[in-house]
Amino acid sequence: MANFNIYSVVLLLGVVQSVIYTTLLIVRGIRRRRLSDFLLGLLIFLAGIVLLPYMLGFMGIPVIWTTLLFFPTDPGLLLGPVVYFYLVSLTDNEFRFRKKHLWHLIPFLLFVIYRLIVFFQGKAFVQIWMEEVDIPFVRLYVEIATLASNYFYLFLTIKHYNHYRKWVETAYSNPDEISFSWYKNYLVLIAVVFTCSWVFSLLYTFGIRLTFTQNWWEYVFVTITIYILSIRGFQEMSPVLIHFPVKQEENNDSAATDMQDRELIALVDRLKHIMDEEKMYLNPDLCLRDVVLRLGLPTSVVSQAINMGFGKNFSQFVNHYRIAAFKRKATDPLYRHLSLLAIAMDSGFNSKATFNRVFRQATGLSPRDFLSNHNPGANPSEVE
């Protein structure tokens, strides 16, 4: 009969949370065809698997250390790749796994094969193998491989995230909602989990035997992490389609083309036309790809023209027109019945926070201060 106590119940809550949100994310992933939901669900599920042996142990059901002794229940070598590819899929809705990605799974598959070969030899063989081979010779290398894998993929994830944060400003006119600023805390949390797990494993490897209860604290932290990742991750929904392929970060400027002055002037004129006459900036989800398709030119050429011709990145370029449109409308008596936020939305902005931030950066004033300076008699609704 299961023994429910403070130790087992806390870990049980983590496992239950893992199962619930894994299911929710898989269902949403199927419904919306979002690979990132599947990968976040997999990450949360793997964290639940980490808790399972100790949860059962505190319940008085040590099946993992008896019947399933040496069965491959440790997902450590899989956690790093899942963390990395979750971000890749989050920043590129078109990302799909290909054969070239299989090498990321090789260490984990080798670990599983090794464990299964030994496991199916029977309990007596497993006991001898663990005492004479695995613990003295193999386990340390597995721990080192797991550490190397975790931090290697953490490094790749941080690198990809930093490239993405720089790129999104050059590709989207309203990047705030897709800059994933919350992801920095996510990375810190993952790094702490990896380090905590490594410290406890290192103590065991070098003969420092912690009690069952002392080890419990490591899994309490994993439980807290499951709650944070599942709730925060499930709340995040990208409002637009994003396409930031991994190759983009490696070949960021490789396709850039040096233009002659005449070509640059001609392209700058075309860019002015689609903004002044066609008013593409009024599309709140406008991205560089839309402009590229409209002009029928390579992305690198259009991006270079914006940088050289206007001295701005794409986000700054588009928002310059939006701010100008807002200023015209906010000081026009015809728009006096509208709140400043409504005017901002009518000028192409997609959120109050983005509008306030961009306006203050561009003018050094808040929208209300600007209007007070240019139309002292106005009394618009507050947006800040």
Protein backbone atom coordinates (compact mmCIF):
# COMPACT_ATOMS: atom_id res chain seq x y z
CA MET A 1 0.00 0.00 0.00
CA ALA A 2 1.34 3.44 -0.94
CA ASN A 3 2.70 5.54 1.90
CA PHE A 4 1.56 9.16 1.50
CA ASN A 5 3.72 11.59 3.46
CA ILE A 6 5.17 15.06 2.98
CA TYR A 7 8.07 13.67 0.95
CA SER A 8 6.02 11.55 -1.43
CA VAL A 9 3.11 13.99 -1.79
CA VAL A 10 5.34 16.92 -2.84
CA LEU A 11 6.93 14.83 -5.59
CA LEU A 12 3.55 13.36 -6.53
CA LEU A 13 2.28 16.89 -7.15
CA GLY A 14 5.17 17.41 -9.55
CA VAL A 15 4.45 14.17 -11.41
CA VAL A 16 0.73 14.94 -11.67
CA GLN A 17 1.51 18.47 -12.93
CA SER A 18 3.85 16.93 -15.48
CA VAL A 19 1.21 14.52 -16.77
CA ILE A 20 -1.53 17.17 -16.94
CA TYR A 21 0.50 19.75 -18.83
CA THR A 22 2.16 17.20 -21.09
CA THR A 23 -1.33 16.14 -22.14
CA LEU A 24 -2.53 19.74 -22.59
CA LEU A 25 0.50 20.66 -24.67
CA ILE A 26 0.22 17.58 -26.88
CA VAL A 27 -3.48 18.28 -27.51
CA ARG A 28 -2.74 21.92 -28.34
CA GLY A 29 0.22 20.92 -30.47
CA ILE A 30 -1.97 18.59 -32.53
CA ARG A 31 -4.77 21.13 -32.85
CA ARG A 32 -2.52 24.03 -33.85
CA ARG A 33 0.31 22.05 -35.44
CA ARG A 34 2.91 23.59 -33.13
CA LEU A 35 6.07 21.53 -32.76
CA SER A 36 7.15 23.78 -29.88
CA ASP A 37 4.17 22.56 -27.84
CA PHE A 38 5.20 18.93 -28.37
CA LEU A 39 8.79 19.66 -27.33
CA LEU A 40 7.79 21.64 -24.24
CA GLY A 41 5.45 18.79 -23.34
CA LEU A 42 8.30 16.32 -23.82
CA LEU A 43 10.60 18.41 -21.62
CA ILE A 44 8.01 18.57 -18.83
CA PHE A 45 7.33 14.83 -19.20
CA LEU A 46 11.06 14.03 -18.90
CA ALA A 47 11.22 16.16 -15.75
CA GLY A 48 8.35 14.07 -14.37
CA ILE A 49 10.30 10.90 -15.20
CA VAL A 50 13.21 12.30 -13.16
CA LEU A 51 10.88 12.56 -10.14
CA LEU A 52 9.30 9.14 -10.54
CA PRO A 53 11.90 6.88 -8.82
CA TYR A 54 12.09 9.02 -5.69
CA MET A 55 8.35 9.60 -5.56
CA LEU A 56 7.75 5.85 -5.63
CA GLY A 57 10.59 5.30 -3.16
CA PHE A 58 9.06 7.65 -0.60
CA MET A 59 5.75 5.89 -1.12
CA GLY A 60 7.36 2.62 -0.17
CA ILE A 61 7.22 1.29 -3.74
CA PRO A 62 10.91 0.90 -4.71
CA VAL A 63 10.09 -0.81 -8.01
CA ILE A 64 12.71 1.25 -9.91
CA TRP A 65 15.48 -0.13 -7.65
CA THR A 66 14.18 -3.69 -7.54
CA THR A 67 12.16 -5.02 -10.48
CA LEU A 68 13.37 -2.31 -12.87
CA LEU A 69 16.94 -2.07 -11.58
CA PHE A 70 19.22 -0.77 -14.37
CA PHE A 71 16.29 -0.07 -16.68
CA PRO A 72 17.06 3.20 -18.58
CA THR A 73 14.87 5.63 -16.63
CA ASP A 74 17.41 8.49 -16.56
CA PRO A 75 16.64 11.01 -19.36
CA GLY A 76 19.68 13.17 -18.62
CA LEU A 77 21.28 12.81 -22.06
CA LEU A 78 18.01 13.76 -23.75
CA LEU A 79 17.27 16.90 -21.74
CA GLY A 80 19.85 19.11 -23.46
CA PRO A 81 18.69 18.44 -27.03
CA VAL A 82 15.03 18.93 -26.04
CA VAL A 83 15.82 22.28 -24.37
CA TYR A 84 17.66 23.44 -27.49
CA PHE A 85 15.14 22.27 -30.07
CA TYR A 86 12.27 23.71 -28.05
CA LEU A 87 13.76 27.17 -28.59
CA VAL A 88 14.53 26.43 -32.25
CA SER A 89 10.89 25.41 -32.87
CA LEU A 90 9.62 28.36 -30.84
CA THR A 91 11.55 30.82 -33.02
CA ASP A 92 10.82 29.06 -36.30
CA ASN A 93 7.29 27.81 -36.88
CA GLU A 94 8.48 26.10 -40.06
CA PHE A 95 11.12 23.98 -38.30
CA ARG A 96 10.72 20.23 -38.67
CA PHE A 97 13.03 17.39 -37.68
CA ARG A 98 15.09 15.89 -40.48
CA LYS A 99 17.52 12.97 -40.72
CA LYS A 100 20.42 15.38 -40.17
CA HIS A 101 19.11 16.05 -36.65
CA LEU A 102 19.29 12.41 -35.56
CA TRP A 103 22.91 12.70 -34.42
CA HIS A 104 21.70 14.76 -31.46
CA LEU A 105 20.04 11.61 -30.12
CA ILE A 106 23.04 9.29 -30.47
CA PRO A 107 24.42 9.67 -26.89
CA PHE A 108 21.01 9.02 -25.36
CA LEU A 109 20.32 6.05 -27.66
CA LEU A 110 23.71 4.51 -26.80
CA PHE A 111 22.90 4.91 -23.11
CA VAL A 112 19.49 3.25 -23.58
CA ILE A 113 20.97 0.35 -25.58
CA TYR A 114 23.72 -0.21 -23.00
CA ARG A 115 21.24 -0.24 -20.11
CA LEU A 116 18.75 -2.51 -21.90
CA ILE A 117 21.41 -5.06 -22.86
CA VAL A 118 22.47 -5.39 -19.24
CA PHE A 119 18.90 -5.20 -17.87
CA PHE A 120 17.66 -8.14 -19.94
CA GLN A 121 20.43 -10.41 -18.61
CA GLY A 122 18.51 -10.79 -15.37
CA LYS A 123 18.74 -9.45 -11.83
CA ALA A 124 21.70 -11.57 -10.76
CA PHE A 125 23.78 -10.41 -13.72
CA VAL A 126 22.71 -6.79 -13.15
CA GLN A 127 23.90 -6.88 -9.53
CA ILE A 128 27.31 -8.27 -10.49
CA TRP A 129 27.65 -5.88 -13.43
CA MET A 130 26.82 -2.85 -11.32
CA GLU A 131 29.30 -3.76 -8.58
CA GLU A 132 32.18 -4.86 -10.82
CA VAL A 133 31.79 -2.76 -13.98
CA ASP A 134 29.19 0.02 -13.98
CA ILE A 135 29.87 1.77 -10.68
CA PRO A 136 33.71 1.48 -10.77
CA PHE A 137 34.23 2.28 -14.47
CA VAL A 138 31.16 3.33 -16.47
CA ARG A 139 29.05 5.56 -14.25
CA LEU A 140 31.55 8.39 -13.96
CA TYR A 141 31.84 8.64 -17.75
CA VAL A 142 28.06 8.67 -18.09
CA GLU A 143 27.88 11.51 -15.56
CA ILE A 144 30.58 13.44 -17.42
CA ALA A 145 28.82 12.84 -20.75
CA THR A 146 25.53 14.06 -19.26
CA LEU A 147 27.18 17.19 -17.86
CA ALA A 148 28.91 17.90 -21.17
CA SER A 149 25.68 17.35 -23.10
CA ASN A 150 23.61 19.56 -20.81
CA TYR A 151 26.00 22.48 -20.90
CA PHE A 152 26.81 22.09 -24.61
CA TYR A 153 23.13 22.40 -25.50
CA LEU A 154 22.63 25.15 -22.96
CA PHE A 155 25.43 27.05 -24.73
CA LEU A 156 23.78 26.43 -28.14
CA THR A 157 20.45 27.57 -26.72
CA ILE A 158 21.86 30.81 -25.29
CA LYS A 159 23.70 31.49 -28.57
CA HIS A 160 20.55 30.90 -30.62
CA TYR A 161 18.47 33.06 -28.27
CA ASN A 162 20.91 35.99 -28.47
CA HIS A 163 21.00 35.80 -32.27
CA TYR A 164 17.23 35.65 -32.38
CA ARG A 165 16.81 38.71 -30.13
CA LYS A 166 19.04 40.73 -32.46
CA TRP A 167 17.38 39.37 -35.60
CA VAL A 168 13.78 39.96 -34.56
CA GLU A 169 14.40 43.72 -34.45
CA THR A 170 15.47 43.58 -38.09
CA ALA A 171 12.62 41.38 -39.29
CA TYR A 172 9.44 42.49 -37.45
CA SER A 173 7.92 45.90 -36.95
CA ASN A 174 6.34 45.04 -33.57
CA PRO A 175 8.92 42.68 -32.05
CA ASP A 176 8.01 43.04 -28.37
CA GLU A 177 5.50 40.19 -28.25
CA ILE A 178 7.81 37.79 -30.08
CA SER A 179 11.12 38.78 -28.52
CA PHE A 180 10.49 36.16 -25.78
CA SER A 181 12.04 38.29 -23.05
CA TRP A 182 10.62 35.80 -20.51
CA TYR A 183 12.92 33.16 -21.97
CA LYS A 184 15.94 34.61 -20.13
CA ASN A 185 14.43 33.49 -16.83
CA TYR A 186 13.67 30.12 -18.40
CA LEU A 187 17.35 29.71 -19.36
CA VAL A 188 18.51 30.68 -15.89
CA LEU A 189 16.12 28.12 -14.38
CA ILE A 190 17.35 25.37 -16.72
CA ALA A 191 20.98 26.22 -15.94
CA VAL A 192 20.30 26.00 -12.19
CA VAL A 193 18.53 22.65 -12.62
CA PHE A 194 21.43 21.22 -14.63
CA THR A 195 23.96 22.48 -12.07
CA CYS A 196 21.96 21.22 -9.09
CA SER A 197 21.58 17.78 -10.64
CA TRP A 198 25.26 17.64 -11.47
CA VAL A 199 26.31 18.58 -7.93
CA PHE A 200 24.21 15.80 -6.40
CA SER A 201 25.46 13.27 -8.96
CA LEU A 202 29.05 14.34 -8.37
CA LEU A 203 28.70 13.82 -4.63
CA TYR A 204 27.40 10.29 -5.23
CA THR A 205 30.11 9.51 -7.80
CA PHE A 206 32.89 10.45 -5.38
CA GLY A 207 31.48 8.40 -2.55
CA ILE A 208 29.58 11.02 -0.56
CA ARG A 209 26.40 9.16 0.29
CA LEU A 210 23.50 11.47 1.10
CA THR A 211 20.49 10.08 2.86
CA PHE A 212 17.27 9.45 0.98
CA THR A 213 15.73 12.48 2.68
CA GLN A 214 18.70 14.73 1.86
CA ASN A 215 18.43 13.78 -1.81
CA TRP A 216 14.76 14.76 -1.66
CA TRP A 217 15.64 18.45 -1.84
CA GLU A 218 17.05 18.05 -5.34
CA TYR A 219 13.70 16.68 -6.50
CA VAL A 220 11.75 19.38 -4.69
CA PHE A 221 13.57 21.86 -6.90
CA VAL A 222 12.71 19.79 -9.98
CA THR A 223 9.05 19.86 -8.87
CA ILE A 224 9.12 23.65 -8.58
CA THR A 225 10.74 23.82 -12.02
CA ILE A 226 7.97 21.67 -13.53
CA TYR A 227 5.34 24.06 -12.19
CA ILE A 228 7.13 27.15 -13.50
CA LEU A 229 7.92 25.69 -16.93
CA SER A 230 4.48 24.21 -17.48
CA ILE A 231 2.39 27.19 -16.39
CA ARG A 232 4.63 29.87 -17.94
CA GLY A 233 5.30 27.91 -21.10
CA PHE A 234 1.64 27.07 -21.65
CA GLN A 235 0.69 30.73 -21.37
CA GLU A 236 3.08 31.80 -24.12
CA MET A 237 1.39 32.05 -27.49
CA SER A 238 3.14 33.72 -30.40
CA PRO A 239 0.67 36.10 -32.13
CA VAL A 240 2.43 35.82 -35.51
CA LEU A 241 4.23 33.21 -37.54
CA ILE A 242 7.99 33.35 -36.99
CA HIS A 243 10.66 32.05 -39.33
CA PHE A 244 14.15 32.26 -37.87
CA PRO A 245 16.01 29.22 -39.23
CA VAL A 246 19.20 28.03 -37.57
CA LYS A 247 21.15 28.81 -40.75
CA GLN A 248 20.08 32.43 -40.40
CA GLU A 249 22.24 32.88 -37.31
CA GLU A 250 25.24 31.29 -39.01
CA ASN A 251 24.95 33.18 -42.30
CA ASN A 252 23.55 36.40 -40.99
CA ASP A 253 25.37 38.67 -43.41
CA SER A 254 26.66 36.20 -45.97
CA ALA A 255 24.01 37.12 -48.55
CA ALA A 256 24.38 40.86 -48.18
CA THR A 257 24.96 42.65 -51.46
CA ASP A 258 26.91 45.85 -51.94
CA MET A 259 24.70 48.22 -53.93
CA GLN A 260 25.71 51.10 -56.14
CA ASP A 261 24.50 54.56 -55.10
CA ARG A 262 22.00 54.66 -57.95
CA GLU A 263 20.53 51.29 -57.00
CA LEU A 264 20.33 52.31 -53.36
CA ILE A 265 18.55 55.56 -54.15
CA ALA A 266 16.05 53.75 -56.37
CA LEU A 267 15.29 51.15 -53.71
CA VAL A 268 14.99 53.79 -50.98
CA ASP A 269 12.43 55.59 -53.17
CA ARG A 270 10.46 52.35 -53.56
CA LEU A 271 10.53 51.80 -49.80
CA LYS A 272 9.26 55.33 -49.22
CA HIS A 273 6.50 54.74 -51.73
CA ILE A 274 5.13 51.59 -50.10
CA MET A 275 5.11 53.37 -46.76
CA ASP A 276 3.88 56.84 -47.80
CA GLU A 277 1.42 55.78 -50.49
CA GLU A 278 0.50 52.16 -49.72
CA LYS A 279 0.84 52.65 -45.96
CA MET A 280 2.12 49.14 -45.28
CA TYR A 281 3.08 50.30 -41.78
CA LEU A 282 -0.61 50.17 -40.80
CA ASN A 283 -0.38 46.37 -40.74
CA PRO A 284 0.43 45.65 -37.06
CA ASP A 285 1.99 42.30 -37.98
CA LEU A 286 4.14 43.70 -40.77
CA CYS A 287 7.45 41.87 -41.12
CA LEU A 288 10.44 42.15 -43.41
CA ARG A 289 9.25 39.16 -45.41
CA ASP A 290 6.06 41.06 -46.37
CA VAL A 291 8.13 43.94 -47.71
CA VAL A 292 10.49 41.56 -49.50
CA LEU A 293 7.56 39.85 -51.24
CA ARG A 294 6.05 43.19 -52.16
CA LEU A 295 9.29 44.44 -53.74
CA GLY A 296 10.31 41.10 -55.23
CA LEU A 297 13.91 41.45 -54.04
CA PRO A 298 16.22 39.32 -51.83
CA THR A 299 15.88 39.81 -48.09
CA SER A 300 19.52 40.84 -47.71
CA VAL A 301 19.14 43.58 -50.35
CA VAL A 302 16.02 45.07 -48.75
CA SER A 303 17.54 44.90 -45.27
CA GLN A 304 20.73 46.55 -46.47
CA ALA A 305 18.77 49.32 -48.19
CA ILE A 306 16.86 50.07 -44.98
CA ASN A 307 20.06 50.09 -42.94
CA MET A 308 22.05 52.25 -45.38
CA GLY A 309 19.27 54.44 -46.72
CA PHE A 310 17.52 55.25 -43.46
CA GLY A 311 20.14 54.44 -40.82
CA LYS A 312 17.63 52.23 -39.02
CA ASN A 313 16.80 48.57 -38.55
CA PHE A 314 13.46 47.31 -39.89
CA SER A 315 11.56 47.82 -36.63
CA GLN A 316 12.82 51.39 -36.24
CA PHE A 317 12.10 52.11 -39.91
CA VAL A 318 8.45 51.03 -39.76
CA ASN A 319 7.78 52.54 -36.35
CA HIS A 320 9.12 55.89 -37.61
CA TYR A 321 6.15 56.01 -39.97
CA ARG A 322 3.75 54.85 -37.28
CA ILE A 323 4.90 57.57 -34.89
CA ALA A 324 4.55 60.19 -37.62
CA ALA A 325 1.02 58.94 -38.35
CA PHE A 326 0.17 59.06 -34.65
CA LYS A 327 1.45 62.63 -34.33
CA ARG A 328 -0.66 63.77 -37.28
CA LYS A 329 -3.82 62.13 -36.00
CA ALA A 330 -3.34 63.03 -32.33
CA THR A 331 -3.12 66.74 -33.20
CA ASP A 332 -5.98 66.60 -35.70
CA PRO A 333 -9.35 67.74 -34.24
CA LEU A 334 -11.07 65.01 -36.27
CA TYR A 335 -9.49 62.37 -33.98
CA ARG A 336 -10.07 64.20 -30.69
CA HIS A 337 -12.92 61.85 -29.75
CA LEU A 338 -10.50 58.88 -29.74
CA SER A 339 -8.18 57.88 -26.91
CA LEU A 340 -4.45 58.00 -27.52
CA LEU A 341 -4.35 54.20 -27.45
CA ALA A 342 -7.04 53.98 -30.14
CA ILE A 343 -5.08 56.42 -32.30
CA ALA A 344 -1.92 54.39 -31.74
CA MET A 345 -3.67 51.19 -32.82
CA ASP A 346 -5.05 53.03 -35.84
CA SER A 347 -1.46 53.99 -36.71
CA GLY A 348 -0.19 50.40 -36.81
CA PHE A 349 0.90 49.65 -33.26
CA ASN A 350 -0.35 46.40 -31.77
CA SER A 351 -0.10 47.02 -28.03
CA LYS A 352 -0.06 49.73 -25.41
CA ALA A 353 3.33 48.66 -24.03
CA THR A 354 5.02 48.65 -27.45
CA PHE A 355 3.54 52.03 -28.36
CA ASN A 356 4.63 53.73 -25.14
CA ARG A 357 8.14 52.28 -25.32
CA VAL A 358 8.71 53.12 -28.99
CA PHE A 359 7.23 56.61 -28.70
CA ARG A 360 9.35 57.52 -25.70
CA GLN A 361 12.51 56.15 -27.35
CA ALA A 362 11.87 58.15 -30.52
CA THR A 363 10.74 61.45 -29.00
CA GLY A 364 11.98 61.49 -25.43
CA LEU A 365 8.40 62.22 -24.34
CA SER A 366 5.40 60.24 -23.25
CA PRO A 367 2.41 60.40 -25.65
CA ARG A 368 0.46 62.56 -23.17
CA ASP A 369 3.36 65.00 -22.72
CA PHE A 370 3.72 65.26 -26.49
CA LEU A 371 0.03 66.06 -26.92
CA SER A 372 0.07 68.55 -24.06
CA ASN A 373 2.97 70.39 -25.71
CA HIS A 374 1.28 70.50 -29.13
CA ASN A 375 -2.36 70.86 -28.10
CA PRO A 376 -2.63 72.23 -24.55
CA GLY A 377 -6.43 72.27 -24.61
CA ALA A 378 -6.76 68.57 -25.34
CA ASN A 379 -7.81 66.10 -22.66
CA PRO A 380 -7.29 62.66 -24.19
CA SER A 381 -7.79 59.31 -22.45
CA GLU A 382 -4.67 58.09 -20.70
CA VAL A 383 -2.65 55.29 -22.27
CA GLU A 384 0.24 55.02 -19.86
